[in-house]
Amino acid sequence: MKKNELINAVAIHADVERKVAKAVIEGTVDVILANVAKGEIVNISGFAKFFKKKRPARIGRNPATGEQIQIKAKTVAKITALKGFKDIALGVAPAPKLNSARKAPAPAKKPAKKKR
């Protein structure tokens, strides 16, 4: 599923305009990115945990030659799936039901006919 497909699906499921769904999804992603960039952990209960982790310098081995090499310290982005997400993805728990179609607008009422 691509971003536009996600926006359309959320708009249908939440019964909101596509513009509103797009603003909410993009805003959510922006908030997650900004907070992780600051070094904070963003934990969405039952879904995922987003954070950055500092890895220390270490000694590794070149698998082709067996030679020891120095690996520099670095910071990496991490996303960890949480239990609720894993349970649904692996079929342990049932997936949530989604609205698959927009509700049709109610037809306009015809004015009552006047008797003469």
PDB file of N, CA and C in Angstrom:
ATOM      1  N   MET A   1       0.851  -1.173   0.000  1.00  0.00           N
ATOM      2  CA  MET A   1       0.000   0.000   0.000  1.00  0.00           C
ATOM      3  C   MET A   1       0.892   1.230   0.000  1.00  0.00           C
ATOM      4  N   LYS A   2       0.638   2.114  -0.920  1.00  0.00           N
ATOM      5  CA  LYS A   2       1.398   3.355  -1.019  1.00  0.00           C
ATOM      6  C   LYS A   2       0.682   4.452  -0.234  1.00  0.00           C
ATOM      7  N   LYS A   3       1.359   5.588  -0.101  1.00  0.00           N
ATOM      8  CA  LYS A   3       0.835   6.675   0.728  1.00  0.00           C
ATOM      9  C   LYS A   3      -0.540   7.148   0.267  1.00  0.00           C
ATOM     10  N   ASN A   4      -0.733   7.333  -1.043  1.00  0.00           N
ATOM     11  CA  ASN A   4      -2.037   7.781  -1.541  1.00  0.00           C
ATOM     12  C   ASN A   4      -3.125   6.753  -1.274  1.00  0.00           C
ATOM     13  N   GLU A   5      -2.788   5.485  -1.400  1.00  0.00           N
ATOM     14  CA  GLU A   5      -3.761   4.436  -1.099  1.00  0.00           C
ATOM     15  C   GLU A   5      -4.125   4.446   0.384  1.00  0.00           C
ATOM     16  N   LEU A   6      -3.126   4.677   1.239  1.00  0.00           N
ATOM     17  CA  LEU A   6      -3.378   4.773   2.678  1.00  0.00           C
ATOM     18  C   LEU A   6      -4.289   5.953   2.981  1.00  0.00           C
ATOM     19  N   ILE A   7      -4.022   7.091   2.365  1.00  0.00           N
ATOM     20  CA  ILE A   7      -4.850   8.282   2.586  1.00  0.00           C
ATOM     21  C   ILE A   7      -6.286   8.004   2.175  1.00  0.00           C
ATOM     22  N   ASN A   8      -6.484   7.390   1.013  1.00  0.00           N
ATOM     23  CA  ASN A   8      -7.840   7.066   0.558  1.00  0.00           C
ATOM     24  C   ASN A   8      -8.526   6.088   1.503  1.00  0.00           C
ATOM     25  N   ALA A   9      -7.810   5.068   1.958  1.00  0.00           N
ATOM     26  CA  ALA A   9      -8.391   4.070   2.854  1.00  0.00           C
ATOM     27  C   ALA A   9      -8.786   4.692   4.192  1.00  0.00           C
ATOM     28  N   VAL A  10      -7.941   5.563   4.725  1.00  0.00           N
ATOM     29  CA  VAL A  10      -8.253   6.226   5.998  1.00  0.00           C
ATOM     30  C   VAL A  10      -9.448   7.156   5.829  1.00  0.00           C
ATOM     31  N   ALA A  11      -9.501   7.867   4.712  1.00  0.00           N
ATOM     32  CA  ALA A  11     -10.632   8.770   4.467  1.00  0.00           C
ATOM     33  C   ALA A  11     -11.943   7.992   4.419  1.00  0.00           C
ATOM     34  N   ILE A  12     -11.935   6.842   3.760  1.00  0.00           N
ATOM     35  CA  ILE A  12     -13.146   6.021   3.680  1.00  0.00           C
ATOM     36  C   ILE A  12     -13.486   5.432   5.039  1.00  0.00           C
ATOM     37  N   HIS A  13     -12.474   4.875   5.719  1.00  0.00           N
ATOM     38  CA  HIS A  13     -12.729   4.227   7.007  1.00  0.00           C
ATOM     39  C   HIS A  13     -13.217   5.208   8.067  1.00  0.00           C
ATOM     40  N   ALA A  14     -12.632   6.392   8.110  1.00  0.00           N
ATOM     41  CA  ALA A  14     -13.007   7.384   9.118  1.00  0.00           C
ATOM     42  C   ALA A  14     -14.167   8.264   8.666  1.00  0.00           C
ATOM     43  N   ASP A  15     -14.611   8.073   7.429  1.00  0.00           N
ATOM     44  CA  ASP A  15     -15.703   8.844   6.850  1.00  0.00           C
ATOM     45  C   ASP A  15     -15.418  10.355   6.943  1.00  0.00           C
ATOM     46  N   VAL A  16     -14.218  10.725   6.456  1.00  0.00           N
ATOM     47  CA  VAL A  16     -13.820  12.133   6.408  1.00  0.00           C
ATOM     48  C   VAL A  16     -13.369  12.463   4.990  1.00  0.00           C
ATOM     49  N   GLU A  17     -13.230  13.734   4.728  1.00  0.00           N
ATOM     50  CA  GLU A  17     -12.739  14.178   3.430  1.00  0.00           C
ATOM     51  C   GLU A  17     -11.293  13.701   3.230  1.00  0.00           C
ATOM     52  N   ARG A  18     -10.922  13.490   1.972  1.00  0.00           N
ATOM     53  CA  ARG A  18      -9.575  13.040   1.651  1.00  0.00           C
ATOM     54  C   ARG A  18      -8.537  14.062   2.129  1.00  0.00           C
ATOM     55  N   LYS A  19      -8.851  15.359   2.009  1.00  0.00           N
ATOM     56  CA  LYS A  19      -7.923  16.407   2.448  1.00  0.00           C
ATOM     57  C   LYS A  19      -7.642  16.299   3.943  1.00  0.00           C
ATOM     58  N   VAL A  20      -8.664  16.009   4.714  1.00  0.00           N
ATOM     59  CA  VAL A  20      -8.512  15.885   6.172  1.00  0.00           C
ATOM     60  C   VAL A  20      -7.636  14.675   6.494  1.00  0.00           C
ATOM     61  N   ALA A  21      -7.912  13.539   5.853  1.00  0.00           N
ATOM     62  CA  ALA A  21      -7.126  12.332   6.093  1.00  0.00           C
ATOM     63  C   ALA A  21      -5.663  12.558   5.717  1.00  0.00           C
ATOM     64  N   LYS A  22      -5.427  13.243   4.596  1.00  0.00           N
ATOM     65  CA  LYS A  22      -4.059  13.519   4.153  1.00  0.00           C
ATOM     66  C   LYS A  22      -3.337  14.405   5.166  1.00  0.00           C
ATOM     67  N   ALA A  23      -4.011  15.437   5.653  1.00  0.00           N
ATOM     68  CA  ALA A  23      -3.402  16.343   6.632  1.00  0.00           C
ATOM     69  C   ALA A  23      -3.068  15.603   7.927  1.00  0.00           C
ATOM     70  N   VAL A  24      -3.955  14.727   8.372  1.00  0.00           N
ATOM     71  CA  VAL A  24      -3.728  13.987   9.615  1.00  0.00           C
ATOM     72  C   VAL A  24      -2.560  13.012   9.460  1.00  0.00           C
ATOM     73  N   ILE A  25      -2.519  12.275   8.362  1.00  0.00           N
ATOM     74  CA  ILE A  25      -1.440  11.302   8.159  1.00  0.00           C
ATOM     75  C   ILE A  25      -0.098  12.010   8.017  1.00  0.00           C
ATOM     76  N   GLU A  26      -0.041  13.050   7.200  1.00  0.00           N
ATOM     77  CA  GLU A  26       1.216  13.782   7.024  1.00  0.00           C
ATOM     78  C   GLU A  26       1.642  14.462   8.320  1.00  0.00           C
ATOM     79  N   GLY A  27       0.686  14.986   9.081  1.00  0.00           N
ATOM     80  CA  GLY A  27       1.000  15.597  10.366  1.00  0.00           C
ATOM     81  C   GLY A  27       1.548  14.583  11.359  1.00  0.00           C
ATOM     82  N   THR A  28       0.963  13.393  11.370  1.00  0.00           N
ATOM     83  CA  THR A  28       1.430  12.339  12.267  1.00  0.00           C
ATOM     84  C   THR A  28       2.867  11.953  11.939  1.00  0.00           C
ATOM     85  N   VAL A  29       3.150  11.758  10.668  1.00  0.00           N
ATOM     86  CA  VAL A  29       4.507  11.401  10.242  1.00  0.00           C
ATOM     87  C   VAL A  29       5.491  12.517  10.603  1.00  0.00           C
ATOM     88  N   ASP A  30       5.108  13.768  10.377  1.00  0.00           N
ATOM     89  CA  ASP A  30       5.981  14.900  10.711  1.00  0.00           C
ATOM     90  C   ASP A  30       6.290  14.957  12.203  1.00  0.00           C
ATOM     91  N   VAL A  31       5.291  14.729  13.038  1.00  0.00           N
ATOM     92  CA  VAL A  31       5.499  14.760  14.489  1.00  0.00           C
ATOM     93  C   VAL A  31       6.420  13.624  14.918  1.00  0.00           C
ATOM     94  N   ILE A  32       6.222  12.435  14.366  1.00  0.00           N
ATOM     95  CA  ILE A  32       7.088  11.303  14.704  1.00  0.00           C
ATOM     96  C   ILE A  32       8.525  11.608  14.295  1.00  0.00           C
ATOM     97  N   LEU A  33       8.728  12.075  13.067  1.00  0.00           N
ATOM     98  CA  LEU A  33      10.077  12.379  12.589  1.00  0.00           C
ATOM     99  C   LEU A  33      10.749  13.459  13.417  1.00  0.00           C
ATOM    100  N   ALA A  34      10.032  14.520  13.744  1.00  0.00           N
ATOM    101  CA  ALA A  34      10.615  15.625  14.512  1.00  0.00           C
ATOM    102  C   ALA A  34      11.039  15.167  15.903  1.00  0.00           C
ATOM    103  N   ASN A  35      10.211  14.361  16.549  1.00  0.00           N
ATOM    104  CA  ASN A  35      10.539  13.911  17.900  1.00  0.00           C
ATOM    105  C   ASN A  35      11.675  12.893  17.908  1.00  0.00           C
ATOM    106  N   VAL A  36      11.711  12.006  16.943  1.00  0.00           N
ATOM    107  CA  VAL A  36      12.814  11.043  16.866  1.00  0.00           C
ATOM    108  C   VAL A  36      14.119  11.772  16.550  1.00  0.00           C
ATOM    109  N   ALA A  37      14.063  12.784  15.694  1.00  0.00           N
ATOM    110  CA  ALA A  37      15.262  13.565  15.377  1.00  0.00           C
ATOM    111  C   ALA A  37      15.822  14.245  16.624  1.00  0.00           C
ATOM    112  N   LYS A  38      14.941  14.653  17.555  1.00  0.00           N
ATOM    113  CA  LYS A  38      15.383  15.277  18.808  1.00  0.00           C
ATOM    114  C   LYS A  38      15.943  14.256  19.793  1.00  0.00           C
ATOM    115  N   GLY A  39      15.779  12.963  19.485  1.00  0.00           N
ATOM    116  CA  GLY A  39      16.285  11.926  20.378  1.00  0.00           C
ATOM    117  C   GLY A  39      15.230  11.321  21.281  1.00  0.00           C
ATOM    118  N   GLU A  40      13.982  11.699  21.097  1.00  0.00           N
ATOM    119  CA  GLU A  40      12.902  11.154  21.917  1.00  0.00           C
ATOM    120  C   GLU A  40      12.415   9.823  21.353  1.00  0.00           C
ATOM    121  N   ILE A  41      11.831   9.016  22.195  1.00  0.00           N
ATOM    122  CA  ILE A  41      11.219   7.759  21.774  1.00  0.00           C
ATOM    123  C   ILE A  41       9.737   8.026  21.544  1.00  0.00           C
ATOM    124  N   VAL A  42       9.230   7.629  20.382  1.00  0.00           N
ATOM    125  CA  VAL A  42       7.803   7.762  20.081  1.00  0.00           C
ATOM    126  C   VAL A  42       7.218   6.361  20.130  1.00  0.00           C
ATOM    127  N   ASN A  43       6.300   6.140  21.067  1.00  0.00           N
ATOM    128  CA  ASN A  43       5.710   4.827  21.282  1.00  0.00           C
ATOM    129  C   ASN A  43       4.212   4.926  21.005  1.00  0.00           C
ATOM    130  N   ILE A  44       3.743   4.256  19.960  1.00  0.00           N
ATOM    131  CA  ILE A  44       2.318   4.205  19.651  1.00  0.00           C
ATOM    132  C   ILE A  44       1.830   2.847  20.152  1.00  0.00           C
ATOM    133  N   SER A  45       1.133   2.845  21.272  1.00  0.00           N
ATOM    134  CA  SER A  45       0.725   1.607  21.946  1.00  0.00           C
ATOM    135  C   SER A  45       0.051   0.635  20.988  1.00  0.00           C
ATOM    136  N   GLY A  46       0.497  -0.609  21.027  1.00  0.00           N
ATOM    137  CA  GLY A  46      -0.094  -1.661  20.207  1.00  0.00           C
ATOM    138  C   GLY A  46       0.328  -1.619  18.754  1.00  0.00           C
ATOM    139  N   PHE A  47       1.207  -0.671  18.380  1.00  0.00           N
ATOM    140  CA  PHE A  47       1.616  -0.562  16.982  1.00  0.00           C
ATOM    141  C   PHE A  47       3.130  -0.647  16.841  1.00  0.00           C
ATOM    142  N   ALA A  48       3.845   0.421  17.156  1.00  0.00           N
ATOM    143  CA  ALA A  48       5.290   0.424  16.974  1.00  0.00           C
ATOM    144  C   ALA A  48       5.959   1.465  17.858  1.00  0.00           C
ATOM    145  N   LYS A  49       7.273   1.274  18.033  1.00  0.00           N
ATOM    146  CA  LYS A  49       8.102   2.210  18.780  1.00  0.00           C
ATOM    147  C   LYS A  49       9.170   2.717  17.816  1.00  0.00           C
ATOM    148  N   PHE A  50       9.324   4.043  17.734  1.00  0.00           N
ATOM    149  CA  PHE A  50      10.281   4.690  16.852  1.00  0.00           C
ATOM    150  C   PHE A  50      11.328   5.381  17.714  1.00  0.00           C
ATOM    151  N   PHE A  51      12.626   5.161  17.420  1.00  0.00           N
ATOM    152  CA  PHE A  51      13.671   5.816  18.193  1.00  0.00           C
ATOM    153  C   PHE A  51      14.979   5.785  17.424  1.00  0.00           C
ATOM    154  N   LYS A  52      15.951   6.575  17.895  1.00  0.00           N
ATOM    155  CA  LYS A  52      17.289   6.473  17.324  1.00  0.00           C
ATOM    156  C   LYS A  52      18.210   5.956  18.411  1.00  0.00           C
ATOM    157  N   LYS A  53      19.178   5.161  17.968  1.00  0.00           N
ATOM    158  CA  LYS A  53      20.059   4.476  18.901  1.00  0.00           C
ATOM    159  C   LYS A  53      21.507   4.727  18.503  1.00  0.00           C
ATOM    160  N   LYS A  54      22.340   5.014  19.490  1.00  0.00           N
ATOM    161  CA  LYS A  54      23.767   5.215  19.240  1.00  0.00           C
ATOM    162  C   LYS A  54      24.484   3.876  19.392  1.00  0.00           C
ATOM    163  N   ARG A  55      25.241   3.525  18.359  1.00  0.00           N
ATOM    164  CA  ARG A  55      26.044   2.305  18.410  1.00  0.00           C
ATOM    165  C   ARG A  55      27.493   2.698  18.663  1.00  0.00           C
ATOM    166  N   PRO A  56      28.153   2.060  19.621  1.00  0.00           N
ATOM    167  CA  PRO A  56      29.554   2.405  19.914  1.00  0.00           C
ATOM    168  C   PRO A  56      30.499   1.849  18.841  1.00  0.00           C
ATOM    169  N   ALA A  57      31.712   2.383  18.828  1.00  0.00           N
ATOM    170  CA  ALA A  57      32.746   1.858  17.938  1.00  0.00           C
ATOM    171  C   ALA A  57      33.080   0.430  18.396  1.00  0.00           C
ATOM    172  N   ARG A  58      33.466  -0.410  17.433  1.00  0.00           N
ATOM    173  CA  ARG A  58      33.782  -1.795  17.784  1.00  0.00           C
ATOM    174  C   ARG A  58      34.747  -2.375  16.763  1.00  0.00           C
ATOM    175  N   ILE A  59      35.226  -3.536  17.071  1.00  0.00           N
ATOM    176  CA  ILE A  59      36.119  -4.237  16.160  1.00  0.00           C
ATOM    177  C   ILE A  59      35.320  -5.335  15.477  1.00  0.00           C
ATOM    178  N   GLY A  60      35.438  -5.391  14.151  1.00  0.00           N
ATOM    179  CA  GLY A  60      34.759  -6.417  13.373  1.00  0.00           C
ATOM    180  C   GLY A  60      35.757  -7.205  12.555  1.00  0.00           C
ATOM    181  N   ARG A  61      35.259  -8.135  11.767  1.00  0.00           N
ATOM    182  CA  ARG A  61      36.138  -8.946  10.916  1.00  0.00           C
ATOM    183  C   ARG A  61      35.665  -8.865   9.476  1.00  0.00           C
ATOM    184  N   ASN A  62      36.617  -8.756   8.556  1.00  0.00           N
ATOM    185  CA  ASN A  62      36.326  -8.841   7.141  1.00  0.00           C
ATOM    186  C   ASN A  62      36.055 -10.327   6.846  1.00  0.00           C
ATOM    187  N   PRO A  63      34.847 -10.666   6.381  1.00  0.00           N
ATOM    188  CA  PRO A  63      34.530 -12.090   6.191  1.00  0.00           C
ATOM    189  C   PRO A  63      35.368 -12.760   5.082  1.00  0.00           C
ATOM    190  N   ALA A  64      35.856 -11.975   4.134  1.00  0.00           N
ATOM    191  CA  ALA A  64      36.629 -12.569   3.038  1.00  0.00           C
ATOM    192  C   ALA A  64      38.058 -12.919   3.472  1.00  0.00           C
ATOM    193  N   THR A  65      38.674 -12.024   4.252  1.00  0.00           N
ATOM    194  CA  THR A  65      40.084 -12.224   4.614  1.00  0.00           C
ATOM    195  C   THR A  65      40.279 -12.607   6.073  1.00  0.00           C
ATOM    196  N   GLY A  66      39.285 -12.375   6.922  1.00  0.00           N
ATOM    197  CA  GLY A  66      39.422 -12.644   8.347  1.00  0.00           C
ATOM    198  C   GLY A  66      40.160 -11.536   9.083  1.00  0.00           C
ATOM    199  N   GLU A  67      40.552 -10.483   8.368  1.00  0.00           N
ATOM    200  CA  GLU A  67      41.292  -9.376   8.954  1.00  0.00           C
ATOM    201  C   GLU A  67      40.392  -8.577   9.892  1.00  0.00           C
ATOM    202  N   GLN A  68      40.952  -8.145  11.018  1.00  0.00           N
ATOM    203  CA  GLN A  68      40.202  -7.297  11.946  1.00  0.00           C
ATOM    204  C   GLN A  68      40.134  -5.880  11.393  1.00  0.00           C
ATOM    205  N   ILE A  69      38.957  -5.256  11.539  1.00  0.00           N
ATOM    206  CA  ILE A  69      38.780  -3.876  11.103  1.00  0.00           C
ATOM    207  C   ILE A  69      38.089  -3.099  12.215  1.00  0.00           C
ATOM    208  N   GLN A  70      38.329  -1.812  12.226  1.00  0.00           N
ATOM    209  CA  GLN A  70      37.685  -0.938  13.209  1.00  0.00           C
ATOM    210  C   GLN A  70      36.401  -0.388  12.594  1.00  0.00           C
ATOM    211  N   ILE A  71      35.270  -0.574  13.255  1.00  0.00           N
ATOM    212  CA  ILE A  71      33.983  -0.052  12.806  1.00  0.00           C
ATOM    213  C   ILE A  71      33.687   1.187  13.633  1.00  0.00           C
ATOM    214  N   LYS A  72      33.396   2.306  12.957  1.00  0.00           N
ATOM    215  CA  LYS A  72      33.157   3.584  13.631  1.00  0.00           C
ATOM    216  C   LYS A  72      31.833   3.581  14.385  1.00  0.00           C
ATOM    217  N   ALA A  73      31.745   4.438  15.382  1.00  0.00           N
ATOM    218  CA  ALA A  73      30.483   4.651  16.103  1.00  0.00           C
ATOM    219  C   ALA A  73      29.507   5.343  15.169  1.00  0.00           C
ATOM    220  N   LYS A  74      28.227   5.042  15.317  1.00  0.00           N
ATOM    221  CA  LYS A  74      27.222   5.696  14.480  1.00  0.00           C
ATOM    222  C   LYS A  74      25.868   5.676  15.176  1.00  0.00           C
ATOM    223  N   THR A  75      24.967   6.478  14.651  1.00  0.00           N
ATOM    224  CA  THR A  75      23.599   6.532  15.143  1.00  0.00           C
ATOM    225  C   THR A  75      22.698   5.922  14.075  1.00  0.00           C
ATOM    226  N   VAL A  76      21.772   5.059  14.497  1.00  0.00           N
ATOM    227  CA  VAL A  76      20.873   4.399  13.553  1.00  0.00           C
ATOM    228  C   VAL A  76      19.423   4.626  13.963  1.00  0.00           C
ATOM    229  N   ALA A  77      18.542   4.620  12.975  1.00  0.00           N
ATOM    230  CA  ALA A  77      17.104   4.741  13.230  1.00  0.00           C
ATOM    231  C   ALA A  77      16.541   3.343  13.447  1.00  0.00           C
ATOM    232  N   LYS A  78      15.677   3.196  14.439  1.00  0.00           N
ATOM    233  CA  LYS A  78      15.090   1.893  14.750  1.00  0.00           C
ATOM    234  C   LYS A  78      13.573   2.014  14.820  1.00  0.00           C
ATOM    235  N   ILE A  79      12.904   1.002  14.300  1.00  0.00           N
ATOM    236  CA  ILE A  79      11.456   0.874  14.435  1.00  0.00           C
ATOM    237  C   ILE A  79      11.199  -0.538  14.933  1.00  0.00           C
ATOM    238  N   THR A  80      10.506  -0.644  16.063  1.00  0.00           N
ATOM    239  CA  THR A  80      10.222  -1.940  16.649  1.00  0.00           C
ATOM    240  C   THR A  80       8.712  -2.163  16.659  1.00  0.00           C
ATOM    241  N   ALA A  81       8.285  -3.262  16.045  1.00  0.00           N
ATOM    242  CA  ALA A  81       6.865  -3.619  16.081  1.00  0.00           C
ATOM    243  C   ALA A  81       6.510  -4.078  17.485  1.00  0.00           C
ATOM    244  N   LEU A  82       5.383  -3.614  18.000  1.00  0.00           N
ATOM    245  CA  LEU A  82       4.949  -3.985  19.346  1.00  0.00           C
ATOM    246  C   LEU A  82       3.998  -5.173  19.305  1.00  0.00           C
ATOM    247  N   LYS A  83       3.693  -5.723  20.461  1.00  0.00           N
ATOM    248  CA  LYS A  83       2.932  -6.963  20.568  1.00  0.00           C
ATOM    249  C   LYS A  83       1.598  -6.930  19.837  1.00  0.00           C
ATOM    250  N   GLY A  84       0.833  -5.857  19.969  1.00  0.00           N
ATOM    251  CA  GLY A  84      -0.468  -5.773  19.311  1.00  0.00           C
ATOM    252  C   GLY A  84      -0.353  -5.895  17.806  1.00  0.00           C
ATOM    253  N   PHE A  85       0.641  -5.222  17.233  1.00  0.00           N
ATOM    254  CA  PHE A  85       0.879  -5.283  15.790  1.00  0.00           C
ATOM    255  C   PHE A  85       1.309  -6.687  15.375  1.00  0.00           C
ATOM    256  N   LYS A  86       2.231  -7.269  16.128  1.00  0.00           N
ATOM    257  CA  LYS A  86       2.718  -8.617  15.804  1.00  0.00           C
ATOM    258  C   LYS A  86       1.592  -9.642  15.869  1.00  0.00           C
ATOM    259  N   ASP A  87       0.749  -9.553  16.897  1.00  0.00           N
ATOM    260  CA  ASP A  87      -0.358 -10.504  17.035  1.00  0.00           C
ATOM    261  C   ASP A  87      -1.290 -10.462  15.831  1.00  0.00           C
ATOM    262  N   ILE A  88      -1.621  -9.264  15.356  1.00  0.00           N
ATOM    263  CA  ILE A  88      -2.518  -9.134  14.208  1.00  0.00           C
ATOM    264  C   ILE A  88      -1.812  -9.564  12.927  1.00  0.00           C
ATOM    265  N   ALA A  89      -0.568  -9.154  12.747  1.00  0.00           N
ATOM    266  CA  ALA A  89       0.180  -9.496  11.533  1.00  0.00           C
ATOM    267  C   ALA A  89       0.403 -10.997  11.412  1.00  0.00           C
ATOM    268  N   LEU A  90       0.601 -11.680  12.532  1.00  0.00           N
ATOM    269  CA  LEU A  90       0.869 -13.119  12.514  1.00  0.00           C
ATOM    270  C   LEU A  90      -0.392 -13.963  12.636  1.00  0.00           C
ATOM    271  N   GLY A  91      -1.556 -13.339  12.720  1.00  0.00           N
ATOM    272  CA  GLY A  91      -2.817 -14.064  12.749  1.00  0.00           C
ATOM    273  C   GLY A  91      -3.243 -14.562  14.108  1.00  0.00           C
ATOM    274  N   VAL A  92      -2.550 -14.153  15.170  1.00  0.00           N
ATOM    275  CA  VAL A  92      -2.927 -14.572  16.523  1.00  0.00           C
ATOM    276  C   VAL A  92      -4.219 -13.887  16.947  1.00  0.00           C
ATOM    277  N   ALA A  93      -4.365 -12.631  16.577  1.00  0.00           N
ATOM    278  CA  ALA A  93      -5.563 -11.854  16.902  1.00  0.00           C
ATOM    279  C   ALA A  93      -6.230 -11.441  15.589  1.00  0.00           C
ATOM    280  N   PRO A  94      -7.543 -11.255  15.609  1.00  0.00           N
ATOM    281  CA  PRO A  94      -8.223 -10.847  14.368  1.00  0.00           C
ATOM    282  C   PRO A  94      -7.895  -9.401  13.994  1.00  0.00           C
ATOM    283  N   ALA A  95      -7.827  -9.147  12.699  1.00  0.00           N
ATOM    284  CA  ALA A  95      -7.567  -7.798  12.202  1.00  0.00           C
ATOM    285  C   ALA A  95      -8.816  -6.944  12.391  1.00  0.00           C
ATOM    286  N   PRO A  96      -8.643  -5.639  12.577  1.00  0.00           N
ATOM    287  CA  PRO A  96      -9.816  -4.772  12.718  1.00  0.00           C
ATOM    288  C   PRO A  96     -10.622  -4.733  11.424  1.00  0.00           C
ATOM    289  N   LYS A  97     -11.910  -4.565  11.553  1.00  0.00           N
ATOM    290  CA  LYS A  97     -12.791  -4.457  10.380  1.00  0.00           C
ATOM    291  C   LYS A  97     -12.698  -3.040   9.835  1.00  0.00           C
ATOM    292  N   LEU A  98     -12.623  -2.928   8.519  1.00  0.00           N
ATOM    293  CA  LEU A  98     -12.538  -1.618   7.876  1.00  0.00           C
ATOM    294  C   LEU A  98     -13.814  -1.310   7.123  1.00  0.00           C
ATOM    295  N   ASN A  99     -14.172  -0.036   7.075  1.00  0.00           N
ATOM    296  CA  ASN A  99     -15.263   0.400   6.210  1.00  0.00           C
ATOM    297  C   ASN A  99     -14.712   0.352   4.795  1.00  0.00           C
ATOM    298  N   SER A 100     -15.407  -0.340   3.892  1.00  0.00           N
ATOM    299  CA  SER A 100     -14.858  -0.501   2.550  1.00  0.00           C
ATOM    300  C   SER A 100     -15.475   0.446   1.531  1.00  0.00           C
ATOM    301  N   ALA A 101     -16.550   1.109   1.871  1.00  0.00           N
ATOM    302  CA  ALA A 101     -17.178   2.030   0.918  1.00  0.00           C
ATOM    303  C   ALA A 101     -17.756   3.219   1.667  1.00  0.00           C
ATOM    304  N   ARG A 102     -17.762   4.332   0.990  1.00  0.00           N
ATOM    305  CA  ARG A 102     -18.378   5.521   1.584  1.00  0.00           C
ATOM    306  C   ARG A 102     -19.884   5.342   1.601  1.00  0.00           C
ATOM    307  N   LYS A 103     -20.496   5.906   2.599  1.00  0.00           N
ATOM    308  CA  LYS A 103     -21.953   5.881   2.673  1.00  0.00           C
ATOM    309  C   LYS A 103     -22.511   6.868   1.659  1.00  0.00           C
ATOM    310  N   ALA A 104     -23.538   6.452   0.952  1.00  0.00           N
ATOM    311  CA  ALA A 104     -24.159   7.336  -0.034  1.00  0.00           C
ATOM    312  C   ALA A 104     -24.907   8.444   0.703  1.00  0.00           C
ATOM    313  N   PRO A 105     -24.853   9.675   0.191  1.00  0.00           N
ATOM    314  CA  PRO A 105     -25.592  10.746   0.862  1.00  0.00           C
ATOM    315  C   PRO A 105     -27.091  10.473   0.782  1.00  0.00           C
ATOM    316  N   ALA A 106     -27.791  10.858   1.817  1.00  0.00           N
ATOM    317  CA  ALA A 106     -29.241  10.642   1.859  1.00  0.00           C
ATOM    318  C   ALA A 106     -29.907  11.451   0.742  1.00  0.00           C
ATOM    319  N   PRO A 107     -30.866  10.856   0.060  1.00  0.00           N
ATOM    320  CA  PRO A 107     -31.530  11.601  -1.013  1.00  0.00           C
ATOM    321  C   PRO A 107     -32.322  12.778  -0.440  1.00  0.00           C
ATOM    322  N   ALA A 108     -32.387  13.847  -1.206  1.00  0.00           N
ATOM    323  CA  ALA A 108     -33.109  15.040  -0.760  1.00  0.00           C
ATOM    324  C   ALA A 108     -34.603  14.729  -0.743  1.00  0.00           C
ATOM    325  N   LYS A 109     -35.295  15.247   0.282  1.00  0.00           N
ATOM    326  CA  LYS A 109     -36.737  15.015   0.394  1.00  0.00           C
ATOM    327  C   LYS A 109     -37.454  15.912  -0.596  1.00  0.00           C
ATOM    328  N   LYS A 110     -38.472  15.345  -1.207  1.00  0.00           N
ATOM    329  CA  LYS A 110     -39.277  16.128  -2.137  1.00  0.00           C
ATOM    330  C   LYS A 110     -40.281  16.942  -1.338  1.00  0.00           C
ATOM    331  N   PRO A 111     -40.522  18.167  -1.744  1.00  0.00           N
ATOM    332  CA  PRO A 111     -41.509  18.954  -1.000  1.00  0.00           C
ATOM    333  C   PRO A 111     -42.893  18.340  -1.156  1.00  0.00           C
ATOM    334  N   ALA A 112     -43.685  18.438  -0.098  1.00  0.00           N
ATOM    335  CA  ALA A 112     -45.039  17.893  -0.135  1.00  0.00           C
ATOM    336  C   ALA A 112     -45.899  18.653  -1.151  1.00  0.00           C
ATOM    337  N   LYS A 113     -46.758  17.911  -1.846  1.00  0.00           N
ATOM    338  CA  LYS A 113     -47.626  18.550  -2.837  1.00  0.00           C
ATOM    339  C   LYS A 113     -48.778  19.241  -2.135  1.00  0.00           C
ATOM    340  N   LYS A 114     -49.101  20.431  -2.636  1.00  0.00           N
ATOM    341  CA  LYS A 114     -50.189  21.188  -2.047  1.00  0.00           C
ATOM    342  C   LYS A 114     -51.500  20.751  -2.692  1.00  0.00           C
ATOM    343  N   LYS A 115     -52.524  20.630  -1.864  1.00  0.00           N
ATOM    344  CA  LYS A 115     -53.857  20.303  -2.377  1.00  0.00           C
ATOM    345  C   LYS A 115     -54.562  21.587  -2.754  1.00  0.00           C
ATOM    346  N   ARG A 116     -55.332  21.569  -3.850  1.00  0.00           N
ATOM    347  CA  ARG A 116     -56.039  22.773  -4.277  1.00  0.00           C
ATOM    348  C   ARG A 116     -57.479  22.691  -3.981  1.00  0.00           C
TER     349      ARG A 116
END
